[in-house]
PDB file of all heavy atoms in Angstrom:
ATOM      1  N   ARG A   1      25.324  20.182 114.295  1.00  0.00           N
ATOM      2  CA  ARG A   1      25.644  20.121 112.857  1.00  0.00           C
ATOM      3  C   ARG A   1      26.961  19.407 112.677  1.00  0.00           C
ATOM      4  O   ARG A   1      27.980  19.761 113.318  1.00  0.00           O
ATOM      5  CB  ARG A   1      25.745  21.508 112.286  1.00  0.00           C
ATOM      6  CG  ARG A   1      25.944  21.467 110.742  1.00  0.00           C
ATOM      7  CD  ARG A   1      26.672  22.681 110.205  1.00  0.00           C
ATOM      8  NE  ARG A   1      25.916  23.907 110.426  1.00  0.00           N
ATOM      9  CZ  ARG A   1      26.395  25.094 110.076  1.00  0.00           C
ATOM     10  NH1 ARG A   1      27.611  25.220 109.508  1.00  0.00           N
ATOM     11  NH2 ARG A   1      25.672  26.179 110.304  1.00  0.00           N
ATOM     12  N   THR A   2      27.001  18.427 111.822  1.00  0.00           N
ATOM     13  CA  THR A   2      28.200  17.634 111.599  1.00  0.00           C
ATOM     14  C   THR A   2      28.937  18.018 110.336  1.00  0.00           C
ATOM     15  O   THR A   2      30.154  17.776 110.239  1.00  0.00           O
ATOM     16  CB  THR A   2      27.867  16.130 111.539  1.00  0.00           C
ATOM     17  OG1 THR A   2      26.959  15.892 110.437  1.00  0.00           O
ATOM     18  CG2 THR A   2      27.221  15.647 112.826  1.00  0.00           C
ATOM     19  N   ALA A   3      28.225  18.616 109.387  1.00  0.00           N
ATOM     20  CA  ALA A   3      28.871  19.017 108.129  1.00  0.00           C
ATOM     21  C   ALA A   3      27.947  19.941 107.362  1.00  0.00           C
ATOM     22  O   ALA A   3      26.731  19.981 107.600  1.00  0.00           O
ATOM     23  CB  ALA A   3      29.185  17.760 107.287  1.00  0.00           C
ATOM     24  N   ALA A   4      28.558  20.686 106.450  1.00  0.00           N
ATOM     25  CA  ALA A   4      27.796  21.503 105.482  1.00  0.00           C
ATOM     26  C   ALA A   4      28.442  21.301 104.132  1.00  0.00           C
ATOM     27  O   ALA A   4      29.657  21.238 103.980  1.00  0.00           O
ATOM     28  CB  ALA A   4      27.798  22.957 105.869  1.00  0.00           C
ATOM     29  N   LEU A   5      27.597  21.109 103.112  1.00  0.00           N
ATOM     30  CA  LEU A   5      28.101  20.807 101.763  1.00  0.00           C
ATOM     31  C   LEU A   5      27.553  21.855 100.796  1.00  0.00           C
ATOM     32  O   LEU A   5      26.367  22.083 100.715  1.00  0.00           O
ATOM     33  CB  LEU A   5      27.622  19.412 101.349  1.00  0.00           C
ATOM     34  CG  LEU A   5      27.998  18.933  99.943  1.00  0.00           C
ATOM     35  CD1 LEU A   5      29.507  18.640  99.881  1.00  0.00           C
ATOM     36  CD2 LEU A   5      27.213  17.657  99.593  1.00  0.00           C
ATOM     37  N   GLU A   6      28.473  22.475 100.059  1.00  0.00           N
ATOM     38  CA  GLU A   6      28.071  23.430  99.020  1.00  0.00           C
ATOM     39  C   GLU A   6      27.363  22.659  97.856  1.00  0.00           C
ATOM     40  O   GLU A   6      27.875  21.650  97.405  1.00  0.00           O
ATOM     41  CB  GLU A   6      29.274  24.176  98.456  1.00  0.00           C
ATOM     42  CG  GLU A   6      29.958  25.116  99.445  1.00  0.00           C
ATOM     43  CD  GLU A   6      29.133  26.372  99.653  1.00  0.00           C
ATOM     44  OE1 GLU A   6      28.425  26.820  98.730  1.00  0.00           O
ATOM     45  OE2 GLU A   6      29.235  26.945 100.771  1.00  0.00           O
ATOM     46  N   VAL A   7      26.212  23.188  97.445  1.00  0.00           N
ATOM     47  CA  VAL A   7      25.471  22.561  96.357  1.00  0.00           C
ATOM     48  C   VAL A   7      25.493  23.537  95.181  1.00  0.00           C
ATOM     49  O   VAL A   7      25.111  24.691  95.307  1.00  0.00           O
ATOM     50  CB  VAL A   7      24.032  22.246  96.765  1.00  0.00           C
ATOM     51  CG1 VAL A   7      23.241  21.663  95.601  1.00  0.00           C
ATOM     52  CG2 VAL A   7      23.987  21.334  97.985  1.00  0.00           C
ATOM     53  N   GLU A   8      25.889  23.045  94.061  1.00  0.00           N
ATOM     54  CA  GLU A   8      25.956  23.927  92.874  1.00  0.00           C
ATOM     55  C   GLU A   8      24.574  24.402  92.473  1.00  0.00           C
ATOM     56  O   GLU A   8      23.613  23.620  92.456  1.00  0.00           O
ATOM     57  CB  GLU A   8      26.625  23.153  91.702  1.00  0.00           C
ATOM     58  CG  GLU A   8      26.797  24.016  90.459  1.00  0.00           C
ATOM     59  CD  GLU A   8      27.369  23.270  89.286  1.00  0.00           C
ATOM     60  OE1 GLU A   8      27.502  21.995  89.410  1.00  0.00           O
ATOM     61  OE2 GLU A   8      27.662  23.893  88.274  1.00  0.00           O
ATOM     62  N   GLY A   9      24.490  25.675  92.179  1.00  0.00           N
ATOM     63  CA  GLY A   9      23.226  26.227  91.679  1.00  0.00           C
ATOM     64  C   GLY A   9      22.259  26.551  92.795  1.00  0.00           C
ATOM     65  O   GLY A   9      22.649  26.960  93.902  1.00  0.00           O
ATOM     66  N   TRP A  10      20.985  26.397  92.500  1.00  0.00           N
ATOM     67  CA  TRP A  10      19.887  26.736  93.386  1.00  0.00           C
ATOM     68  C   TRP A  10      19.302  25.475  93.985  1.00  0.00           C
ATOM     69  O   TRP A  10      18.476  24.822  93.365  1.00  0.00           O
ATOM     70  CB  TRP A  10      18.761  27.355  92.554  1.00  0.00           C
ATOM     71  CG  TRP A  10      18.332  28.639  93.096  1.00  0.00           C
ATOM     72  CD1 TRP A  10      17.468  28.857  94.112  1.00  0.00           C
ATOM     73  CD2 TRP A  10      18.701  29.908  92.629  1.00  0.00           C
ATOM     74  NE1 TRP A  10      17.265  30.194  94.283  1.00  0.00           N
ATOM     75  CE2 TRP A  10      18.025  30.862  93.394  1.00  0.00           C
ATOM     76  CE3 TRP A  10      19.564  30.348  91.644  1.00  0.00           C
ATOM     77  CZ2 TRP A  10      18.165  32.221  93.178  1.00  0.00           C
ATOM     78  CZ3 TRP A  10      19.692  31.673  91.431  1.00  0.00           C
ATOM     79  CH2 TRP A  10      19.008  32.599  92.219  1.00  0.00           C
ATOM     80  N   PRO A  11      19.649  25.049  95.197  1.00  0.00           N
ATOM     81  CA  PRO A  11      19.061  23.832  95.748  1.00  0.00           C
ATOM     82  C   PRO A  11      17.546  23.979  95.828  1.00  0.00           C
ATOM     83  O   PRO A  11      17.008  24.998  96.226  1.00  0.00           O
ATOM     84  CB  PRO A  11      19.694  23.775  97.143  1.00  0.00           C
ATOM     85  CG  PRO A  11      20.975  24.490  97.027  1.00  0.00           C
ATOM     86  CD  PRO A  11      20.697  25.613  96.046  1.00  0.00           C
ATOM     87  N   ARG A  12      16.861  22.908  95.431  1.00  0.00           N
ATOM     88  CA  ARG A  12      15.401  22.905  95.424  1.00  0.00           C
ATOM     89  C   ARG A  12      14.862  21.958  96.451  1.00  0.00           C
ATOM     90  O   ARG A  12      14.357  22.354  97.488  1.00  0.00           O
ATOM     91  CB  ARG A  12      14.910  22.555  93.989  1.00  0.00           C
ATOM     92  CG  ARG A  12      15.271  23.551  92.932  1.00  0.00           C
ATOM     93  CD  ARG A  12      14.540  24.853  93.120  1.00  0.00           C
ATOM     94  NE  ARG A  12      13.114  24.599  93.270  1.00  0.00           N
ATOM     95  CZ  ARG A  12      12.258  24.319  92.274  1.00  0.00           C
ATOM     96  NH1 ARG A  12      12.721  24.266  91.024  1.00  0.00           N
ATOM     97  NH2 ARG A  12      10.986  24.104  92.478  1.00  0.00           N
ATOM     98  N   GLU A  13      14.906  20.684  96.171  1.00  0.00           N
ATOM     99  CA  GLU A  13      14.368  19.663  97.088  1.00  0.00           C
ATOM    100  C   GLU A  13      15.278  18.443  97.000  1.00  0.00           C
ATOM    101  O   GLU A  13      16.124  18.325  96.130  1.00  0.00           O
ATOM    102  CB  GLU A  13      12.930  19.301  96.738  1.00  0.00           C
ATOM    103  CG  GLU A  13      11.937  20.415  96.961  1.00  0.00           C
ATOM    104  CD  GLU A  13      10.501  20.002  96.732  1.00  0.00           C
ATOM    105  OE1 GLU A  13      10.253  19.093  95.918  1.00  0.00           O
ATOM    106  OE2 GLU A  13       9.600  20.598  97.386  1.00  0.00           O
ATOM    107  N   MET A  14      15.026  17.488  97.931  1.00  0.00           N
ATOM    108  CA  MET A  14      15.845  16.274  97.970  1.00  0.00           C
ATOM    109  C   MET A  14      15.030  15.107  98.480  1.00  0.00           C
ATOM    110  O   MET A  14      14.000  15.269  99.110  1.00  0.00           O
ATOM    111  CB  MET A  14      17.096  16.479  98.829  1.00  0.00           C
ATOM    112  CG  MET A  14      16.792  16.884 100.254  1.00  0.00           C
ATOM    113  SD  MET A  14      18.305  17.269 101.186  1.00  0.00           S
ATOM    114  CE  MET A  14      17.587  18.069 102.629  1.00  0.00           C
ATOM    115  N   LEU A  15      15.574  13.916  98.227  1.00  0.00           N
ATOM    116  CA  LEU A  15      14.997  12.668  98.725  1.00  0.00           C
ATOM    117  C   LEU A  15      16.064  11.943  99.524  1.00  0.00           C
ATOM    118  O   LEU A  15      17.233  11.897  99.113  1.00  0.00           O
ATOM    119  CB  LEU A  15      14.504  11.780  97.578  1.00  0.00           C
ATOM    120  CG  LEU A  15      13.246  12.209  96.873  1.00  0.00           C
ATOM    121  CD1 LEU A  15      13.142  11.551  95.497  1.00  0.00           C
ATOM    122  CD2 LEU A  15      11.999  11.840  97.709  1.00  0.00           C
ATOM    123  N   LEU A  16      15.689  11.371 100.659  1.00  0.00           N
ATOM    124  CA  LEU A  16      16.598  10.569 101.462  1.00  0.00           C
ATOM    125  C   LEU A  16      16.210   9.092 101.364  1.00  0.00           C
ATOM    126  O   LEU A  16      15.041   8.721 101.606  1.00  0.00           O
ATOM    127  CB  LEU A  16      16.538  11.002 102.940  1.00  0.00           C
ATOM    128  CG  LEU A  16      17.283  10.094 103.956  1.00  0.00           C
ATOM    129  CD1 LEU A  16      18.762  10.124 103.698  1.00  0.00           C
ATOM    130  CD2 LEU A  16      16.940  10.517 105.394  1.00  0.00           C
ATOM    131  N   ASP A  17      17.165   8.257 101.020  1.00  0.00           N
ATOM    132  CA  ASP A  17      17.015   6.798 101.089  1.00  0.00           C
ATOM    133  C   ASP A  17      17.857   6.341 102.245  1.00  0.00           C
ATOM    134  O   ASP A  17      19.061   6.139 102.096  1.00  0.00           O
ATOM    135  CB  ASP A  17      17.435   6.158  99.774  1.00  0.00           C
ATOM    136  CG  ASP A  17      17.142   4.674  99.725  1.00  0.00           C
ATOM    137  OD1 ASP A  17      16.963   4.075 100.811  1.00  0.00           O
ATOM    138  OD2 ASP A  17      17.123   4.105  98.643  1.00  0.00           O
ATOM    139  N   LYS A  18      17.257   6.144 103.396  1.00  0.00           N
ATOM    140  CA  LYS A  18      18.035   5.825 104.604  1.00  0.00           C
ATOM    141  C   LYS A  18      18.602   4.388 104.553  1.00  0.00           C
ATOM    142  O   LYS A  18      19.617   4.122 105.164  1.00  0.00           O
ATOM    143  CB  LYS A  18      17.196   6.017 105.854  1.00  0.00           C
ATOM    144  CG  LYS A  18      15.979   5.136 106.002  1.00  0.00           C
ATOM    145  CD  LYS A  18      15.231   5.475 107.265  1.00  0.00           C
ATOM    146  CE  LYS A  18      13.965   4.619 107.427  1.00  0.00           C
ATOM    147  NZ  LYS A  18      13.240   4.957 108.644  1.00  0.00           N
ATOM    148  N   GLU A  19      17.940   3.499 103.827  1.00  0.00           N
ATOM    149  CA  GLU A  19      18.451   2.146 103.704  1.00  0.00           C
ATOM    150  C   GLU A  19      19.768   2.119 102.946  1.00  0.00           C
ATOM    151  O   GLU A  19      20.642   1.329 103.222  1.00  0.00           O
ATOM    152  CB  GLU A  19      17.434   1.245 103.012  1.00  0.00           C
ATOM    153  CG  GLU A  19      16.089   1.186 103.733  1.00  0.00           C
ATOM    154  CD  GLU A  19      16.196   0.630 105.132  1.00  0.00           C
ATOM    155  OE1 GLU A  19      17.046  -0.246 105.338  1.00  0.00           O
ATOM    156  OE2 GLU A  19      15.424   1.055 106.015  1.00  0.00           O
ATOM    157  N   ARG A  20      19.895   2.966 101.946  1.00  0.00           N
ATOM    158  CA  ARG A  20      21.092   2.992 101.108  1.00  0.00           C
ATOM    159  C   ARG A  20      22.002   4.179 101.438  1.00  0.00           C
ATOM    160  O   ARG A  20      23.003   4.373 100.742  1.00  0.00           O
ATOM    161  CB  ARG A  20      20.669   3.056  99.629  1.00  0.00           C
ATOM    162  CG  ARG A  20      19.872   1.795  99.237  1.00  0.00           C
ATOM    163  CD  ARG A  20      19.101   2.016  97.944  1.00  0.00           C
ATOM    164  NE  ARG A  20      18.304   0.833  97.578  1.00  0.00           N
ATOM    165  CZ  ARG A  20      17.099   0.578  98.114  1.00  0.00           C
ATOM    166  NH1 ARG A  20      16.560   1.384  99.018  1.00  0.00           N
ATOM    167  NH2 ARG A  20      16.442  -0.526  97.749  1.00  0.00           N
ATOM    168  N   ASN A  21      21.630   4.965 102.449  1.00  0.00           N
ATOM    169  CA  ASN A  21      22.409   6.133 102.881  1.00  0.00           C
ATOM    170  C   ASN A  21      22.715   7.049 101.703  1.00  0.00           C
ATOM    171  O   ASN A  21      23.855   7.492 101.467  1.00  0.00           O
ATOM    172  CB  ASN A  21      23.685   5.700 103.557  1.00  0.00           C
ATOM    173  CG  ASN A  21      23.499   5.452 105.037  1.00  0.00           C
ATOM    174  OD1 ASN A  21      22.912   6.291 105.740  1.00  0.00           O
ATOM    175  ND2 ASN A  21      23.923   4.275 105.500  1.00  0.00           N
ATOM    176  N   ARG A  22      21.660   7.385 100.953  1.00  0.00           N
ATOM    177  CA  ARG A  22      21.833   8.263  99.815  1.00  0.00           C
ATOM    178  C   ARG A  22      20.862   9.451  99.922  1.00  0.00           C
ATOM    179  O   ARG A  22      19.699   9.284 100.273  1.00  0.00           O
ATOM    180  CB  ARG A  22      21.545   7.521  98.488  1.00  0.00           C
ATOM    181  CG  ARG A  22      22.574   6.454  98.123  1.00  0.00           C
ATOM    182  CD  ARG A  22      23.917   7.114  97.760  1.00  0.00           C
ATOM    183  NE  ARG A  22      24.886   6.162  97.221  1.00  0.00           N
ATOM    184  CZ  ARG A  22      25.762   5.480  97.973  1.00  0.00           C
ATOM    185  NH1 ARG A  22      25.779   5.651  99.268  1.00  0.00           N
ATOM    186  NH2 ARG A  22      26.611   4.666  97.411  1.00  0.00           N
ATOM    187  N   LEU A  23      21.371  10.635  99.603  1.00  0.00           N
ATOM    188  CA  LEU A  23      20.543  11.818  99.408  1.00  0.00           C
ATOM    189  C   LEU A  23      20.576  12.154  97.917  1.00  0.00           C
ATOM    190  O   LEU A  23      21.636  12.215  97.292  1.00  0.00           O
ATOM    191  CB  LEU A  23      21.090  13.004 100.173  1.00  0.00           C
ATOM    192  CG  LEU A  23      20.576  13.306 101.597  1.00  0.00           C
ATOM    193  CD1 LEU A  23      21.265  14.568 102.111  1.00  0.00           C
ATOM    194  CD2 LEU A  23      19.071  13.505 101.619  1.00  0.00           C
ATOM    195  N   VAL A  24      19.383  12.362  97.318  1.00  0.00           N
ATOM    196  CA  VAL A  24      19.290  12.797  95.962  1.00  0.00           C
ATOM    197  C   VAL A  24      18.817  14.255  95.966  1.00  0.00           C
ATOM    198  O   VAL A  24      17.689  14.545  96.336  1.00  0.00           O
ATOM    199  CB  VAL A  24      18.299  11.915  95.153  1.00  0.00           C
ATOM    200  CG1 VAL A  24      18.246  12.365  93.699  1.00  0.00           C
ATOM    201  CG2 VAL A  24      18.741  10.457  95.233  1.00  0.00           C
ATOM    202  N   ILE A  25      19.703  15.165  95.588  1.00  0.00           N
ATOM    203  CA  ILE A  25      19.455  16.606  95.709  1.00  0.00           C
ATOM    204  C   ILE A  25      19.240  17.207  94.327  1.00  0.00           C
ATOM    205  O   ILE A  25      19.991  16.939  93.384  1.00  0.00           O
ATOM    206  CB  ILE A  25      20.628  17.320  96.372  1.00  0.00           C
ATOM    207  CG1 ILE A  25      20.905  16.699  97.757  1.00  0.00           C
ATOM    208  CG2 ILE A  25      20.369  18.800  96.518  1.00  0.00           C
ATOM    209  CD1 ILE A  25      22.199  17.227  98.403  1.00  0.00           C
ATOM    210  N   THR A  26      18.201  18.003  94.184  1.00  0.00           N
ATOM    211  CA  THR A  26      17.967  18.716  92.946  1.00  0.00           C
ATOM    212  C   THR A  26      18.303  20.173  93.111  1.00  0.00           C
ATOM    213  O   THR A  26      18.070  20.788  94.161  1.00  0.00           O
ATOM    214  CB  THR A  26      16.499  18.600  92.491  1.00  0.00           C
ATOM    215  OG1 THR A  26      15.638  19.164  93.477  1.00  0.00           O
ATOM    216  CG2 THR A  26      16.130  17.139  92.281  1.00  0.00           C
ATOM    217  N   SER A  27      18.877  20.780  92.088  1.00  0.00           N
ATOM    218  CA  SER A  27      19.197  22.197  92.092  1.00  0.00           C
ATOM    219  C   SER A  27      19.115  22.757  90.667  1.00  0.00           C
ATOM    220  O   SER A  27      19.226  21.991  89.680  1.00  0.00           O
ATOM    221  CB  SER A  27      20.603  22.461  92.694  1.00  0.00           C
ATOM    222  OG  SER A  27      21.612  21.813  91.895  1.00  0.00           O
ATOM    223  N   GLN A  28      18.920  24.051  90.561  1.00  0.00           N
ATOM    224  CA  GLN A  28      18.853  24.699  89.243  1.00  0.00           C
ATOM    225  C   GLN A  28      20.197  25.379  88.966  1.00  0.00           C
ATOM    226  O   GLN A  28      20.717  26.120  89.819  1.00  0.00           O
ATOM    227  CB  GLN A  28      17.731  25.725  89.200  1.00  0.00           C
ATOM    228  CG  GLN A  28      16.352  25.159  89.205  1.00  0.00           C
ATOM    229  CD  GLN A  28      16.053  24.164  88.061  1.00  0.00           C
ATOM    230  OE1 GLN A  28      15.396  23.176  88.248  1.00  0.00           O
ATOM    231  NE2 GLN A  28      16.574  24.466  86.902  1.00  0.00           N
ATOM    232  N   VAL A  29      20.743  25.136  87.825  1.00  0.00           N
ATOM    233  CA  VAL A  29      22.030  25.656  87.424  1.00  0.00           C
ATOM    234  C   VAL A  29      21.906  26.423  86.132  1.00  0.00           C
ATOM    235  O   VAL A  29      21.181  25.956  85.209  1.00  0.00           O
ATOM    236  CB  VAL A  29      23.080  24.519  87.269  1.00  0.00           C
ATOM    237  CG1 VAL A  29      24.426  25.046  86.795  1.00  0.00           C
ATOM    238  CG2 VAL A  29      23.221  23.744  88.563  1.00  0.00           C
ATOM    239  N   TYR A  30      22.507  27.559  86.029  1.00  0.00           N
ATOM    240  CA  TYR A  30      22.521  28.290  84.741  1.00  0.00           C
ATOM    241  C   TYR A  30      23.687  27.877  83.897  1.00  0.00           C
ATOM    242  O   TYR A  30      24.840  27.902  84.336  1.00  0.00           O
ATOM    243  CB  TYR A  30      22.534  29.804  84.943  1.00  0.00           C
ATOM    244  CG  TYR A  30      22.631  30.549  83.645  1.00  0.00           C
ATOM    245  CD1 TYR A  30      21.535  30.670  82.830  1.00  0.00           C
ATOM    246  CD2 TYR A  30      23.842  31.096  83.209  1.00  0.00           C
ATOM    247  CE1 TYR A  30      21.590  31.328  81.608  1.00  0.00           C
ATOM    248  CE2 TYR A  30      23.938  31.776  81.988  1.00  0.00           C
ATOM    249  CZ  TYR A  30      22.812  31.872  81.199  1.00  0.00           C
ATOM    250  OH  TYR A  30      22.898  32.513  79.997  1.00  0.00           O
ATOM    251  N   GLU A  31      23.425  27.460  82.657  1.00  0.00           N
ATOM    252  CA  GLU A  31      24.452  27.142  81.695  1.00  0.00           C
ATOM    253  C   GLU A  31      24.154  27.805  80.383  1.00  0.00           C
ATOM    254  O   GLU A  31      23.016  27.776  79.911  1.00  0.00           O
ATOM    255  CB  GLU A  31      24.569  25.590  81.522  1.00  0.00           C
ATOM    256  CG  GLU A  31      25.001  24.892  82.789  1.00  0.00           C
ATOM    257  CD  GLU A  31      25.240  23.398  82.538  1.00  0.00           C
ATOM    258  OE1 GLU A  31      24.519  22.799  81.730  1.00  0.00           O
ATOM    259  OE2 GLU A  31      26.153  22.873  83.186  1.00  0.00           O
ATOM    260  N   GLN A  32      25.155  28.369  79.724  1.00  0.00           N
ATOM    261  CA  GLN A  32      24.970  29.024  78.463  1.00  0.00           C
ATOM    262  C   GLN A  32      24.660  27.998  77.381  1.00  0.00           C
ATOM    263  O   GLN A  32      25.378  27.007  77.218  1.00  0.00           O
ATOM    264  CB  GLN A  32      26.233  29.802  78.113  1.00  0.00           C
ATOM    265  CG  GLN A  32      26.090  30.633  76.813  1.00  0.00           C
ATOM    266  CD  GLN A  32      25.108  31.756  76.993  1.00  0.00           C
ATOM    267  OE1 GLN A  32      25.114  32.441  78.017  1.00  0.00           O
ATOM    268  NE2 GLN A  32      24.245  31.949  75.992  1.00  0.00           N
ATOM    269  N   ARG A  33      23.572  28.228  76.658  1.00  0.00           N
ATOM    270  CA  ARG A  33      23.179  27.300  75.576  1.00  0.00           C
ATOM    271  C   ARG A  33      22.687  28.132  74.393  1.00  0.00           C
ATOM    272  O   ARG A  33      22.220  29.259  74.561  1.00  0.00           O
ATOM    273  CB  ARG A  33      22.050  26.387  76.044  1.00  0.00           C
ATOM    274  CG  ARG A  33      22.477  25.297  77.011  1.00  0.00           C
ATOM    275  CD  ARG A  33      21.476  24.163  76.960  1.00  0.00           C
ATOM    276  NE  ARG A  33      21.815  23.154  77.940  1.00  0.00           N
ATOM    277  CZ  ARG A  33      21.249  23.101  79.148  1.00  0.00           C
ATOM    278  NH1 ARG A  33      20.377  23.975  79.480  1.00  0.00           N
ATOM    279  NH2 ARG A  33      21.600  22.135  79.989  1.00  0.00           N
ATOM    280  N   PRO A  34      22.678  27.539  73.218  1.00  0.00           N
ATOM    281  CA  PRO A  34      22.074  28.243  72.070  1.00  0.00           C
ATOM    282  C   PRO A  34      20.599  28.417  72.308  1.00  0.00           C
ATOM    283  O   PRO A  34      19.944  27.646  73.007  1.00  0.00           O
ATOM    284  CB  PRO A  34      22.351  27.277  70.894  1.00  0.00           C
ATOM    285  CG  PRO A  34      23.408  26.353  71.350  1.00  0.00           C
ATOM    286  CD  PRO A  34      23.276  26.234  72.826  1.00  0.00           C
ATOM    287  N   GLY A  35      20.033  29.443  71.683  1.00  0.00           N
ATOM    288  CA  GLY A  35      18.604  29.662  71.790  1.00  0.00           C
ATOM    289  C   GLY A  35      18.212  30.380  73.051  1.00  0.00           C
ATOM    290  O   GLY A  35      19.051  30.649  73.937  1.00  0.00           O
ATOM    291  N   LYS A  36      16.922  30.683  73.128  1.00  0.00           N
ATOM    292  CA  LYS A  36      16.391  31.452  74.251  1.00  0.00           C
ATOM    293  C   LYS A  36      15.186  30.694  74.847  1.00  0.00           C
ATOM    294  O   LYS A  36      14.164  30.579  74.159  1.00  0.00           O
ATOM    295  CB  LYS A  36      15.984  32.841  73.794  1.00  0.00           C
ATOM    296  CG  LYS A  36      17.133  33.669  73.268  1.00  0.00           C
ATOM    297  CD  LYS A  36      16.664  35.034  72.774  1.00  0.00           C
ATOM    298  CE  LYS A  36      15.775  34.898  71.573  1.00  0.00           C
ATOM    299  NZ  LYS A  36      15.511  36.218  70.932  1.00  0.00           N
ATOM    300  N   PRO A  37      15.285  30.193  76.065  1.00  0.00           N
ATOM    301  CA  PRO A  37      14.137  29.549  76.673  1.00  0.00           C
ATOM    302  C   PRO A  37      13.066  30.568  76.995  1.00  0.00           C
ATOM    303  O   PRO A  37      13.368  31.723  77.332  1.00  0.00           O
ATOM    304  CB  PRO A  37      14.677  28.896  77.949  1.00  0.00           C
ATOM    305  CG  PRO A  37      15.858  29.718  78.286  1.00  0.00           C
ATOM    306  CD  PRO A  37      16.414  30.203  76.972  1.00  0.00           C
ATOM    307  N   THR A  38      11.792  30.200  76.912  1.00  0.00           N
ATOM    308  CA  THR A  38      10.710  31.116  77.201  1.00  0.00           C
ATOM    309  C   THR A  38      10.370  31.078  78.674  1.00  0.00           C
ATOM    310  O   THR A  38      10.653  30.118  79.357  1.00  0.00           O
ATOM    311  CB  THR A  38       9.457  30.738  76.414  1.00  0.00           C
ATOM    312  OG1 THR A  38       9.030  29.433  76.836  1.00  0.00           O
ATOM    313  CG2 THR A  38       9.713  30.703  74.915  1.00  0.00           C
ATOM    314  N   LEU A  39       9.698  32.118  79.141  1.00  0.00           N
ATOM    315  CA  LEU A  39       9.221  32.180  80.501  1.00  0.00           C
ATOM    316  C   LEU A  39       7.787  31.742  80.597  1.00  0.00           C
ATOM    317  O   LEU A  39       7.215  31.746  81.672  1.00  0.00           O
ATOM    318  CB  LEU A  39       9.376  33.595  81.048  1.00  0.00           C
ATOM    319  CG  LEU A  39      10.778  34.071  81.328  1.00  0.00           C
ATOM    320  CD1 LEU A  39      10.758  35.492  81.872  1.00  0.00           C
ATOM    321  CD2 LEU A  39      11.474  33.169  82.297  1.00  0.00           C
ATOM    322  N   THR A  40       7.172  31.381  79.509  1.00  0.00           N
ATOM    323  CA  THR A  40       5.758  31.018  79.543  1.00  0.00           C
ATOM    324  C   THR A  40       5.613  29.604  79.012  1.00  0.00           C
ATOM    325  O   THR A  40       6.414  29.091  78.294  1.00  0.00           O
ATOM    326  CB  THR A  40       4.901  31.956  78.652  1.00  0.00           C
ATOM    327  OG1 THR A  40       5.285  31.768  77.281  1.00  0.00           O
ATOM    328  CG2 THR A  40       5.079  33.399  79.068  1.00  0.00           C
ATOM    329  N   GLY A  41       4.482  28.999  79.408  1.00  0.00           N
ATOM    330  CA  GLY A  41       4.197  27.609  78.991  1.00  0.00           C
ATOM    331  C   GLY A  41       3.894  27.578  77.510  1.00  0.00           C
ATOM    332  O   GLY A  41       4.071  26.567  76.872  1.00  0.00           O
ATOM    333  N   GLY A  42       3.418  28.676  76.934  1.00  0.00           N
ATOM    334  CA  GLY A  42       3.242  28.776  75.519  1.00  0.00           C
ATOM    335  C   GLY A  42       4.491  29.368  74.935  1.00  0.00           C
ATOM    336  O   GLY A  42       5.582  29.166  75.360  1.00  0.00           O
ATOM    337  N   GLY A  43       4.376  30.163  73.928  1.00  0.00           N
ATOM    338  CA  GLY A  43       5.509  30.918  73.434  1.00  0.00           C
ATOM    339  C   GLY A  43       5.537  32.253  74.145  1.00  0.00           C
ATOM    340  O   GLY A  43       4.741  32.499  74.977  1.00  0.00           O
ATOM    341  N   GLY A  44       6.429  33.098  73.814  1.00  0.00           N
ATOM    342  CA  GLY A  44       6.313  34.420  74.360  1.00  0.00           C
ATOM    343  C   GLY A  44       7.610  35.024  74.803  1.00  0.00           C
ATOM    344  O   GLY A  44       8.662  34.839  74.206  1.00  0.00           O
TER     345      GLY A  44
END
């Protein structure tokens, strides 16, 4: 292991572009916003 990097939120998945030496990392982050998101695809 050469390094470890803290990722904000909940790391999900990533893509490696080895030609450009880039990792694209996705994570879920909680941020306070107006309104209430639903847990269902419909309302609810």
